[in-house]
Amino acid sequence: MTLSLIATAAGLSVRSLQSQFRQRMGQTAIAFITERRLARTHEDLTSAFDPEITIAEIARRWGFVHMSDFGQRYRRAYGRTPSEARRDAGPRD
């Protein structure tokens, strides 16, 4: 997902999309998208899960390709590493 695709779908220029998004949401469109992707990843890590699915696979599912960057963003957002979150959630039936 790119800003140009979103802008085209909204019938706006990229610059107009960025400006309006910041005015209405108080943050950039990219920051909002990243927050949503982190939230989805967090849900997958802390809900019932298949232990065969790795953290990297979950991260990639939500668009994170650089695991170091993902890990840093996740820790800033949730105060613990993805592996700590998953371990604390534990497998559930």
N, C-alpha and C. Protein backbone atom coordinates (compact mmCIF):
# COMPACT_ATOMS: atom_id res chain seq x y z
N MET A 1 0.85 -1.17 0.00
CA MET A 1 0.00 0.00 0.00
C MET A 1 0.90 1.23 0.00
N THR A 2 0.65 2.08 -0.94
CA THR A 2 1.44 3.31 -1.03
C THR A 2 0.52 4.52 -0.91
N LEU A 3 1.12 5.65 -0.57
CA LEU A 3 0.34 6.87 -0.48
C LEU A 3 -0.26 7.25 -1.82
N SER A 4 0.46 6.98 -2.90
CA SER A 4 -0.08 7.34 -4.21
C SER A 4 -1.32 6.50 -4.54
N LEU A 5 -1.34 5.24 -4.15
CA LEU A 5 -2.52 4.41 -4.38
C LEU A 5 -3.71 4.90 -3.55
N ILE A 6 -3.44 5.25 -2.30
CA ILE A 6 -4.50 5.77 -1.43
C ILE A 6 -5.02 7.09 -1.96
N ALA A 7 -4.11 7.96 -2.36
CA ALA A 7 -4.51 9.27 -2.89
C ALA A 7 -5.35 9.10 -4.15
N THR A 8 -4.95 8.23 -5.03
CA THR A 8 -5.71 7.98 -6.26
C THR A 8 -7.10 7.48 -5.93
N ALA A 9 -7.20 6.53 -5.00
CA ALA A 9 -8.50 5.99 -4.61
C ALA A 9 -9.39 7.07 -3.99
N ALA A 10 -8.78 8.02 -3.30
CA ALA A 10 -9.53 9.10 -2.66
C ALA A 10 -9.78 10.28 -3.60
N GLY A 11 -9.19 10.23 -4.79
CA GLY A 11 -9.34 11.33 -5.74
C GLY A 11 -8.58 12.57 -5.34
N LEU A 12 -7.43 12.38 -4.66
CA LEU A 12 -6.62 13.49 -4.19
C LEU A 12 -5.19 13.36 -4.70
N SER A 13 -4.47 14.46 -4.63
CA SER A 13 -3.03 14.37 -4.86
C SER A 13 -2.39 13.82 -3.59
N VAL A 14 -1.19 13.32 -3.70
CA VAL A 14 -0.49 12.80 -2.52
C VAL A 14 -0.31 13.92 -1.50
N ARG A 15 0.07 15.08 -1.96
CA ARG A 15 0.28 16.21 -1.04
C ARG A 15 -1.01 16.59 -0.32
N SER A 16 -2.12 16.61 -1.05
CA SER A 16 -3.40 16.94 -0.44
C SER A 16 -3.82 15.86 0.57
N LEU A 17 -3.61 14.62 0.21
CA LEU A 17 -3.91 13.52 1.13
C LEU A 17 -3.11 13.67 2.42
N GLN A 18 -1.82 13.91 2.29
CA GLN A 18 -0.97 14.07 3.47
C GLN A 18 -1.45 15.23 4.34
N SER A 19 -1.75 16.34 3.71
CA SER A 19 -2.17 17.52 4.46
C SER A 19 -3.51 17.29 5.16
N GLN A 20 -4.48 16.77 4.44
CA GLN A 20 -5.80 16.53 5.03
C GLN A 20 -5.76 15.45 6.11
N PHE A 21 -4.96 14.44 5.88
CA PHE A 21 -4.85 13.36 6.86
C PHE A 21 -4.29 13.90 8.17
N ARG A 22 -3.24 14.68 8.07
CA ARG A 22 -2.62 15.25 9.27
C ARG A 22 -3.60 16.17 10.00
N GLN A 23 -4.34 16.99 9.26
CA GLN A 23 -5.30 17.90 9.87
C GLN A 23 -6.40 17.13 10.60
N ARG A 24 -6.90 16.08 9.98
CA ARG A 24 -8.05 15.36 10.55
C ARG A 24 -7.67 14.30 11.57
N MET A 25 -6.52 13.68 11.40
CA MET A 25 -6.14 12.57 12.27
C MET A 25 -5.04 12.93 13.26
N GLY A 26 -4.36 14.05 13.04
CA GLY A 26 -3.31 14.48 13.96
C GLY A 26 -2.01 13.71 13.79
N GLN A 27 -1.88 12.98 12.72
CA GLN A 27 -0.65 12.25 12.43
C GLN A 27 -0.60 11.99 10.93
N THR A 28 0.56 11.55 10.46
CA THR A 28 0.69 11.28 9.04
C THR A 28 -0.03 9.99 8.68
N ALA A 29 -0.34 9.86 7.41
CA ALA A 29 -0.99 8.64 6.93
C ALA A 29 -0.09 7.43 7.15
N ILE A 30 1.20 7.60 6.92
CA ILE A 30 2.14 6.48 7.11
C ILE A 30 2.19 6.07 8.57
N ALA A 31 2.21 7.02 9.49
CA ALA A 31 2.22 6.69 10.92
C ALA A 31 0.94 5.94 11.30
N PHE A 32 -0.19 6.37 10.76
CA PHE A 32 -1.47 5.71 11.03
C PHE A 32 -1.45 4.27 10.52
N ILE A 33 -1.00 4.09 9.30
CA ILE A 33 -0.93 2.75 8.70
C ILE A 33 0.01 1.86 9.51
N THR A 34 1.14 2.38 9.89
CA THR A 34 2.10 1.60 10.68
C THR A 34 1.50 1.20 12.03
N GLU A 35 0.80 2.12 12.67
CA GLU A 35 0.12 1.81 13.94
C GLU A 35 -0.87 0.68 13.78
N ARG A 36 -1.66 0.73 12.71
CA ARG A 36 -2.67 -0.30 12.45
C ARG A 36 -1.99 -1.65 12.20
N ARG A 37 -0.91 -1.64 11.44
CA ARG A 37 -0.19 -2.89 11.16
C ARG A 37 0.40 -3.46 12.44
N LEU A 38 0.96 -2.61 13.29
CA LEU A 38 1.49 -3.07 14.58
C LEU A 38 0.38 -3.63 15.45
N ALA A 39 -0.77 -2.99 15.45
CA ALA A 39 -1.89 -3.47 16.26
C ALA A 39 -2.35 -4.85 15.79
N ARG A 40 -2.41 -5.04 14.49
CA ARG A 40 -2.81 -6.36 13.95
C ARG A 40 -1.78 -7.42 14.29
N THR A 41 -0.52 -7.05 14.21
CA THR A 41 0.54 -7.99 14.56
C THR A 41 0.44 -8.34 16.04
N HIS A 42 0.21 -7.33 16.87
CA HIS A 42 0.07 -7.56 18.31
C HIS A 42 -1.10 -8.51 18.60
N GLU A 43 -2.21 -8.30 17.93
CA GLU A 43 -3.37 -9.19 18.10
C GLU A 43 -3.01 -10.63 17.76
N ASP A 44 -2.31 -10.80 16.65
CA ASP A 44 -1.92 -12.16 16.24
C ASP A 44 -0.94 -12.78 17.23
N LEU A 45 -0.03 -11.98 17.77
CA LEU A 45 0.96 -12.51 18.69
C LEU A 45 0.37 -12.86 20.05
N THR A 46 -0.68 -12.16 20.46
CA THR A 46 -1.20 -12.36 21.81
C THR A 46 -2.52 -13.13 21.86
N SER A 47 -3.01 -13.54 20.71
CA SER A 47 -4.23 -14.34 20.69
C SER A 47 -3.85 -15.81 20.49
N ALA A 48 -4.87 -16.66 20.44
CA ALA A 48 -4.60 -18.08 20.19
C ALA A 48 -3.78 -18.19 18.92
N PHE A 49 -2.76 -19.01 18.96
CA PHE A 49 -1.89 -19.09 17.80
C PHE A 49 -1.41 -20.51 17.57
N ASP A 50 -1.00 -20.74 16.36
CA ASP A 50 -0.38 -22.01 15.97
C ASP A 50 1.11 -21.86 16.24
N PRO A 51 1.67 -22.69 17.13
CA PRO A 51 3.09 -22.54 17.45
C PRO A 51 4.01 -22.79 16.26
N GLU A 52 3.47 -23.34 15.19
CA GLU A 52 4.27 -23.57 13.98
C GLU A 52 4.50 -22.28 13.20
N ILE A 53 3.66 -21.27 13.43
CA ILE A 53 3.80 -19.99 12.73
C ILE A 53 4.77 -19.12 13.50
N THR A 54 5.82 -18.70 12.84
CA THR A 54 6.86 -17.92 13.51
C THR A 54 6.45 -16.45 13.64
N ILE A 55 7.14 -15.76 14.52
CA ILE A 55 6.93 -14.32 14.68
C ILE A 55 7.23 -13.61 13.37
N ALA A 56 8.28 -14.03 12.68
CA ALA A 56 8.63 -13.41 11.40
C ALA A 56 7.51 -13.58 10.38
N GLU A 57 6.87 -14.74 10.36
CA GLU A 57 5.76 -14.96 9.43
C GLU A 57 4.58 -14.05 9.76
N ILE A 58 4.31 -13.91 11.04
CA ILE A 58 3.22 -13.00 11.46
C ILE A 58 3.57 -11.57 11.07
N ALA A 59 4.79 -11.15 11.32
CA ALA A 59 5.22 -9.79 10.97
C ALA A 59 5.12 -9.56 9.47
N ARG A 60 5.57 -10.52 8.69
CA ARG A 60 5.49 -10.39 7.22
C ARG A 60 4.04 -10.32 6.75
N ARG A 61 3.16 -11.09 7.40
CA ARG A 61 1.74 -11.08 7.04
C ARG A 61 1.18 -9.65 7.08
N TRP A 62 1.69 -8.85 8.02
CA TRP A 62 1.20 -7.49 8.18
C TRP A 62 2.13 -6.45 7.55
N GLY A 63 3.04 -6.89 6.69
CA GLY A 63 3.83 -5.96 5.89
C GLY A 63 5.17 -5.55 6.44
N PHE A 64 5.62 -6.19 7.50
CA PHE A 64 6.94 -5.87 8.05
C PHE A 64 7.95 -6.84 7.44
N VAL A 65 8.93 -6.32 6.74
CA VAL A 65 9.91 -7.18 6.09
C VAL A 65 11.28 -7.14 6.77
N HIS A 66 11.55 -6.09 7.49
CA HIS A 66 12.83 -5.96 8.19
C HIS A 66 12.57 -6.24 9.67
N MET A 67 13.00 -7.40 10.12
CA MET A 67 12.67 -7.84 11.48
C MET A 67 13.27 -6.94 12.55
N SER A 68 14.44 -6.39 12.30
CA SER A 68 15.05 -5.49 13.28
C SER A 68 14.18 -4.25 13.46
N ASP A 69 13.75 -3.66 12.36
CA ASP A 69 12.89 -2.48 12.41
C ASP A 69 11.56 -2.84 13.06
N PHE A 70 10.99 -3.96 12.70
CA PHE A 70 9.73 -4.40 13.30
C PHE A 70 9.88 -4.55 14.81
N GLY A 71 10.94 -5.22 15.24
CA GLY A 71 11.15 -5.44 16.66
C GLY A 71 11.27 -4.13 17.44
N GLN A 72 11.97 -3.17 16.88
CA GLN A 72 12.13 -1.87 17.54
C GLN A 72 10.80 -1.13 17.62
N ARG A 73 10.06 -1.13 16.52
CA ARG A 73 8.76 -0.46 16.51
C ARG A 73 7.80 -1.13 17.51
N TYR A 74 7.81 -2.45 17.53
CA TYR A 74 6.92 -3.19 18.41
C TYR A 74 7.24 -2.87 19.87
N ARG A 75 8.52 -2.87 20.20
CA ARG A 75 8.93 -2.60 21.59
C ARG A 75 8.54 -1.18 22.01
N ARG A 76 8.72 -0.21 21.11
CA ARG A 76 8.31 1.16 21.42
C ARG A 76 6.80 1.25 21.64
N ALA A 77 6.05 0.53 20.85
CA ALA A 77 4.58 0.59 20.94
C ALA A 77 4.03 -0.16 22.14
N TYR A 78 4.63 -1.32 22.48
CA TYR A 78 4.04 -2.21 23.49
C TYR A 78 4.90 -2.46 24.72
N GLY A 79 6.10 -1.88 24.74
CA GLY A 79 6.93 -1.98 25.93
C GLY A 79 7.57 -3.33 26.16
N ARG A 80 7.53 -4.19 25.18
CA ARG A 80 8.20 -5.50 25.27
C ARG A 80 8.44 -6.00 23.86
N THR A 81 9.28 -7.00 23.77
CA THR A 81 9.60 -7.54 22.45
C THR A 81 8.46 -8.42 21.95
N PRO A 82 8.41 -8.67 20.65
CA PRO A 82 7.39 -9.58 20.13
C PRO A 82 7.47 -10.98 20.77
N SER A 83 8.68 -11.46 20.99
CA SER A 83 8.81 -12.80 21.59
C SER A 83 8.32 -12.80 23.03
N GLU A 84 8.54 -11.72 23.77
CA GLU A 84 8.02 -11.62 25.14
C GLU A 84 6.49 -11.61 25.13
N ALA A 85 5.92 -10.86 24.20
CA ALA A 85 4.45 -10.79 24.09
C ALA A 85 3.87 -12.16 23.79
N ARG A 86 4.49 -12.85 22.87
CA ARG A 86 3.99 -14.17 22.50
C ARG A 86 4.16 -15.16 23.64
N ARG A 87 5.30 -15.13 24.29
CA ARG A 87 5.54 -16.03 25.40
C ARG A 87 4.55 -15.79 26.53
N ASP A 88 4.32 -14.51 26.86
CA ASP A 88 3.41 -14.17 27.94
C ASP A 88 1.98 -14.59 27.62
N ALA A 89 1.60 -14.52 26.35
CA ALA A 89 0.25 -14.93 25.94
C ALA A 89 0.10 -16.44 26.02
N GLY A 90 1.16 -17.16 25.65
CA GLY A 90 1.15 -18.62 25.69
C GLY A 90 0.13 -19.22 24.75
N PRO A 91 0.27 -20.49 24.44
CA PRO A 91 -0.70 -21.13 23.56
C PRO A 91 -2.04 -21.28 24.27
N ARG A 92 -3.10 -21.07 23.51
CA ARG A 92 -4.45 -21.19 24.07
C ARG A 92 -5.27 -22.13 23.23
N ASP A 93 -6.24 -22.75 23.86
CA ASP A 93 -7.15 -23.65 23.11
C ASP A 93 -8.43 -22.94 22.74
